Amino acid sequence: MDGPPRLDADVAVAGVDGCRSGWVVAIAAAGAAPTVRPDRPVAVEVEVVASFDAVAALLREGRVGLVAVDMPIGLSERDPRPCDRAARALAGPRRASVFPAPLRATVGASDYGEALARSRAVSGRGLSVQAFNLLAKITEVERAVRELGQARIVEAFPELGFAGLSGAAMAHPKRNAAGASERLAALEPWFAAVRDLARSRRGAAADDVLDALAVLWIARRIAAGAAARLGGERDATGLRMEVWY
């Protein structure tokens, strides 16, 4: 199976989530994660950067060996990506948070109307505004993936991380108090000072930070050789359409 190699325990990894001003980046010093609850939570650094090129620079400079990001990598020509359908099924009560990735034809559209028309022309289906708003970020990530490879930049879905952390899907949406509380409780055994890390930052909401930490947990599982993936089919440009968890 194609995919990221197992990393040495001293290689740093990062979890990344998009936010209104760019990207939330969570970095843990240890790349390999145990498959059971650790005895001591791992220290994490969190920052907000404006461009995904700043994330790619972490790989170029050797500061991290693997990046997991909550953003589609690889786009279908006409049909929904199989990995998105599988993620929805696995997410259970949080399935509504997995929406279809935009189609390849929508990339480069100048505005929502053009993207919508392109989507309908190739598939007969529309395009949500939420999916359209991801196109610029998808393009940023894809540019980095084509330079650095899918062995180093992988797609991950936060809600599958939270389900793995707690042993079950989260019961509440992430943006209400109950949802924030259960996600903090799931993260605290793994990462030190989570409540301090998870505060809102300039350009990023608290739930963006929590999502980056959940994706970081998946990155550490990948580095340890303990993760699994959904999908794996290649798109028309050669990128694998897959979600790691």
Protein backbone atom coordinates (compact mmCIF):
# COMPACT_ATOMS: atom_id res chain seq x y z
CA MET A 1 0.00 0.00 0.00
CA ASP A 2 1.32 3.44 -0.92
CA GLY A 3 1.59 5.81 2.00
CA PRO A 4 3.85 7.55 4.51
CA PRO A 5 6.76 5.58 5.93
CA ARG A 6 7.08 4.91 9.65
CA LEU A 7 9.24 7.61 11.23
CA ASP A 8 11.83 7.52 13.99
CA ALA A 9 10.50 8.46 17.42
CA ASP A 10 12.52 11.69 17.52
CA VAL A 11 11.07 13.10 14.27
CA ALA A 12 8.58 15.92 14.78
CA VAL A 13 5.18 15.82 13.08
CA ALA A 14 2.47 18.45 12.54
CA GLY A 15 -1.31 18.60 12.43
CA VAL A 16 -2.82 21.43 10.37
CA ASP A 17 -6.35 22.82 10.06
CA GLY A 18 -7.59 25.69 7.92
CA CYS A 19 -8.86 28.81 9.67
CA ARG A 20 -10.18 32.21 8.61
CA SER A 21 -6.73 33.83 8.47
CA GLY A 22 -4.82 30.86 7.08
CA TRP A 23 -3.78 27.71 8.91
CA VAL A 24 -3.49 26.48 12.50
CA VAL A 25 -0.33 24.40 12.90
CA ALA A 26 0.18 22.07 15.89
CA ILE A 27 3.64 20.50 16.20
CA ALA A 28 4.63 17.67 18.55
CA ALA A 29 8.30 16.89 19.06
CA ALA A 30 7.89 13.11 19.12
CA GLY A 31 6.87 11.58 15.80
CA ALA A 32 5.97 8.10 17.02
CA ALA A 33 2.87 7.65 19.15
CA PRO A 34 1.96 4.67 21.32
CA THR A 35 -1.25 2.86 20.46
CA VAL A 36 -2.44 3.02 24.08
CA ARG A 37 -2.94 6.01 26.36
CA PRO A 38 0.47 7.52 27.14
CA ASP A 39 1.79 7.86 30.65
CA ARG A 40 2.74 11.49 30.08
CA PRO A 41 1.11 14.01 27.72
CA VAL A 42 3.35 15.31 24.93
CA ALA A 43 4.29 18.98 24.67
CA VAL A 44 2.86 20.77 21.63
CA GLU A 45 3.52 24.11 19.94
CA VAL A 46 0.61 25.85 18.19
CA GLU A 47 0.84 28.77 15.78
CA VAL A 48 -1.28 30.41 13.09
CA VAL A 49 0.31 31.05 9.68
CA ALA A 50 -1.09 32.90 6.69
CA SER A 51 0.04 30.56 3.92
CA PHE A 52 0.42 26.81 3.52
CA ASP A 53 3.87 27.53 2.12
CA ALA A 54 4.88 28.25 5.72
CA VAL A 55 3.78 24.69 6.55
CA ALA A 56 5.67 23.29 3.56
CA ALA A 57 8.75 25.17 4.77
CA LEU A 58 8.69 23.09 7.96
CA LEU A 59 9.20 20.01 5.78
CA ARG A 60 11.79 21.63 3.52
CA GLU A 61 13.83 22.77 6.52
CA GLY A 62 13.57 19.40 8.29
CA ARG A 63 11.67 20.80 11.28
CA VAL A 64 8.98 18.16 10.79
CA GLY A 65 8.95 14.86 8.91
CA LEU A 66 5.22 14.57 8.27
CA VAL A 67 2.23 16.91 7.98
CA ALA A 68 -1.39 15.80 8.30
CA VAL A 69 -3.91 18.38 7.12
CA ASP A 70 -7.68 18.64 7.19
CA MET A 71 -8.08 19.56 3.52
CA PRO A 72 -8.94 17.48 0.44
CA ILE A 73 -5.94 16.13 -1.46
CA GLY A 74 -6.84 14.66 -4.84
CA LEU A 75 -10.11 15.61 -6.51
CA SER A 76 -12.62 13.54 -8.44
CA GLU A 77 -13.57 14.35 -12.00
CA ARG A 78 -17.31 13.66 -11.66
CA ASP A 79 -18.37 11.41 -8.78
CA PRO A 80 -17.96 11.94 -5.02
CA ARG A 81 -14.64 10.69 -3.70
CA PRO A 82 -14.89 7.15 -2.23
CA CYS A 83 -12.86 8.26 0.80
CA ASP A 84 -15.45 10.95 1.61
CA ARG A 85 -18.28 8.42 1.45
CA ALA A 86 -16.31 6.05 3.70
CA ALA A 87 -15.48 8.85 6.15
CA ARG A 88 -19.15 9.79 6.41
CA ALA A 89 -20.06 6.20 7.23
CA LEU A 90 -17.29 5.93 9.83
CA ALA A 91 -18.07 9.31 11.44
CA GLY A 92 -21.49 8.13 12.66
CA PRO A 93 -23.37 10.99 14.36
CA ARG A 94 -20.79 13.46 13.06
CA ARG A 95 -21.28 12.39 9.42
CA ALA A 96 -22.79 15.75 8.48
CA SER A 97 -19.40 17.37 9.05
CA VAL A 98 -17.99 15.40 6.10
CA PHE A 99 -19.10 17.14 2.92
CA PRO A 100 -18.13 16.16 -0.64
CA ALA A 101 -14.88 17.66 -1.88
CA PRO A 102 -15.26 19.97 -4.89
CA LEU A 103 -14.66 18.45 -8.31
CA ARG A 104 -11.46 18.99 -10.26
CA ALA A 105 -13.31 21.11 -12.83
CA THR A 106 -14.07 23.78 -10.23
CA VAL A 107 -10.40 24.55 -9.54
CA GLY A 108 -9.46 27.93 -10.99
CA ALA A 109 -13.02 29.26 -11.15
CA SER A 110 -13.08 33.04 -10.72
CA ASP A 111 -16.18 33.11 -8.52
CA TYR A 112 -18.88 30.93 -6.99
CA GLY A 113 -21.19 31.22 -9.99
CA GLU A 114 -18.53 29.96 -12.35
CA ALA A 115 -17.56 27.10 -10.02
CA LEU A 116 -21.21 26.12 -9.63
CA ALA A 117 -21.70 26.07 -13.40
CA ARG A 118 -18.57 23.98 -13.91
CA SER A 119 -19.69 21.45 -11.28
CA ARG A 120 -23.13 21.12 -12.83
CA ALA A 121 -21.67 20.79 -16.32
CA VAL A 122 -19.50 17.78 -15.47
CA SER A 123 -21.65 16.03 -12.87
CA GLY A 124 -25.16 17.43 -12.89
CA ARG A 125 -24.69 18.36 -9.22
CA GLY A 126 -24.22 21.73 -7.58
CA LEU A 127 -21.50 22.95 -5.27
CA SER A 128 -21.93 24.27 -1.74
CA VAL A 129 -20.56 27.67 -0.83
CA GLN A 130 -18.54 25.94 1.89
CA ALA A 131 -16.86 23.70 -0.70
CA PHE A 132 -16.22 26.66 -2.99
CA ASN A 133 -14.55 28.55 -0.15
CA LEU A 134 -12.05 25.70 0.20
CA LEU A 135 -10.78 25.92 -3.37
CA ALA A 136 -8.01 28.43 -2.66
CA LYS A 137 -6.75 26.37 0.28
CA ILE A 138 -7.01 23.13 -1.71
CA THR A 139 -4.83 24.75 -4.38
CA GLU A 140 -2.27 25.81 -1.76
CA VAL A 141 -2.03 22.30 -0.34
CA GLU A 142 -1.90 20.65 -3.75
CA ARG A 143 1.00 22.86 -4.80
CA ALA A 144 2.96 21.70 -1.74
CA VAL A 145 2.00 18.05 -2.26
CA ARG A 146 3.24 18.12 -5.85
CA GLU A 147 6.56 19.50 -4.63
CA LEU A 148 7.04 17.38 -1.52
CA GLY A 149 4.92 14.27 -2.13
CA GLN A 150 2.02 12.46 -0.46
CA ALA A 151 4.42 10.50 1.72
CA ARG A 152 5.04 13.76 3.60
CA ILE A 153 1.70 15.60 3.36
CA VAL A 154 -1.43 13.55 4.03
CA GLU A 155 -5.14 14.25 4.41
CA ALA A 156 -6.81 13.54 7.75
CA PHE A 157 -10.26 14.22 9.16
CA PRO A 158 -10.48 15.62 12.72
CA GLU A 159 -13.72 13.89 13.72
CA LEU A 160 -12.18 10.50 12.97
CA GLY A 161 -9.28 11.54 15.20
CA PHE A 162 -11.62 12.45 18.05
CA ALA A 163 -13.45 9.13 17.63
CA GLY A 164 -10.13 7.31 17.86
CA LEU A 165 -9.04 9.33 20.87
CA SER A 166 -12.21 8.60 22.85
CA GLY A 167 -13.20 5.23 21.44
CA ALA A 168 -16.46 6.58 19.99
CA ALA A 169 -17.71 9.43 17.82
CA MET A 170 -18.23 12.73 19.58
CA ALA A 171 -21.80 13.14 20.82
CA HIS A 172 -22.02 16.92 20.30
CA PRO A 173 -21.14 19.41 17.53
CA LYS A 174 -17.74 20.99 17.96
CA ARG A 175 -18.93 24.59 18.20
CA ASN A 176 -21.09 24.30 21.33
CA ALA A 177 -19.89 24.10 24.93
CA ALA A 178 -20.63 20.40 25.35
CA GLY A 179 -18.78 19.59 22.14
CA ALA A 180 -15.74 21.62 23.16
CA SER A 181 -15.71 19.96 26.57
CA GLU A 182 -15.77 16.40 25.25
CA ARG A 183 -13.06 17.15 22.69
CA LEU A 184 -10.82 18.70 25.34
CA ALA A 185 -11.34 15.64 27.53
CA ALA A 186 -10.35 13.36 24.64
CA LEU A 187 -7.15 15.33 23.93
CA GLU A 188 -5.92 15.94 27.49
CA PRO A 189 -4.36 12.50 28.11
CA TRP A 190 -2.24 12.90 24.97
CA PHE A 191 -1.15 16.53 24.85
CA ALA A 192 0.09 18.77 27.64
CA ALA A 193 -1.66 22.04 28.56
CA VAL A 194 -4.51 21.41 26.10
CA ARG A 195 -6.81 24.01 27.67
CA ASP A 196 -4.15 26.68 27.22
CA LEU A 197 -3.39 25.51 23.68
CA ALA A 198 -7.06 25.47 22.69
CA ARG A 199 -7.83 29.12 23.32
CA SER A 200 -8.86 31.28 20.39
CA ARG A 201 -6.00 33.00 18.58
CA ARG A 202 -5.85 35.92 16.19
CA GLY A 203 -7.47 34.64 12.99
CA ALA A 204 -8.39 31.22 14.40
CA ALA A 205 -11.27 29.98 16.54
CA ALA A 206 -10.82 27.59 19.46
CA ASP A 207 -12.44 24.73 17.50
CA ASP A 208 -9.85 25.22 14.72
CA VAL A 209 -7.11 24.61 17.28
CA LEU A 210 -8.85 21.51 18.64
CA ASP A 211 -9.20 20.16 15.11
CA ALA A 212 -5.49 20.74 14.45
CA LEU A 213 -4.67 18.80 17.62
CA ALA A 214 -6.92 15.92 16.57
CA VAL A 215 -5.19 15.82 13.19
CA LEU A 216 -1.84 15.93 14.99
CA TRP A 217 -2.88 12.81 16.92
CA ILE A 218 -3.53 11.10 13.58
CA ALA A 219 -0.14 12.27 12.28
CA ARG A 220 1.56 10.68 15.28
CA ARG A 221 -0.32 7.43 14.64
CA ILE A 222 0.81 7.49 11.01
CA ALA A 223 4.40 8.07 12.10
CA ALA A 224 4.15 5.09 14.46
CA GLY A 225 2.73 2.83 11.75
CA ALA A 226 -0.54 2.51 13.69
CA ALA A 227 -2.93 4.42 11.39
CA ALA A 228 -5.33 3.23 8.71
CA ARG A 229 -6.66 4.91 5.60
CA LEU A 230 -9.88 5.21 3.66
CA GLY A 231 -9.79 5.22 -0.13
CA GLY A 232 -6.53 5.35 -2.04
CA GLU A 233 -7.74 5.68 -5.63
CA ARG A 234 -5.77 8.08 -7.82
CA ASP A 235 -7.38 11.11 -9.40
CA ALA A 236 -6.83 12.10 -13.03
CA THR A 237 -3.68 14.03 -12.08
CA GLY A 238 -2.11 11.11 -10.19
CA LEU A 239 -2.85 12.19 -6.60
CA ARG A 240 -4.26 9.59 -4.21
CA MET A 241 -7.70 10.41 -2.84
CA GLU A 242 -7.42 9.08 0.72
CA VAL A 243 -8.17 10.00 4.32
CA TRP A 244 -5.95 8.77 7.16
CA TYR A 245 -7.23 8.09 10.67
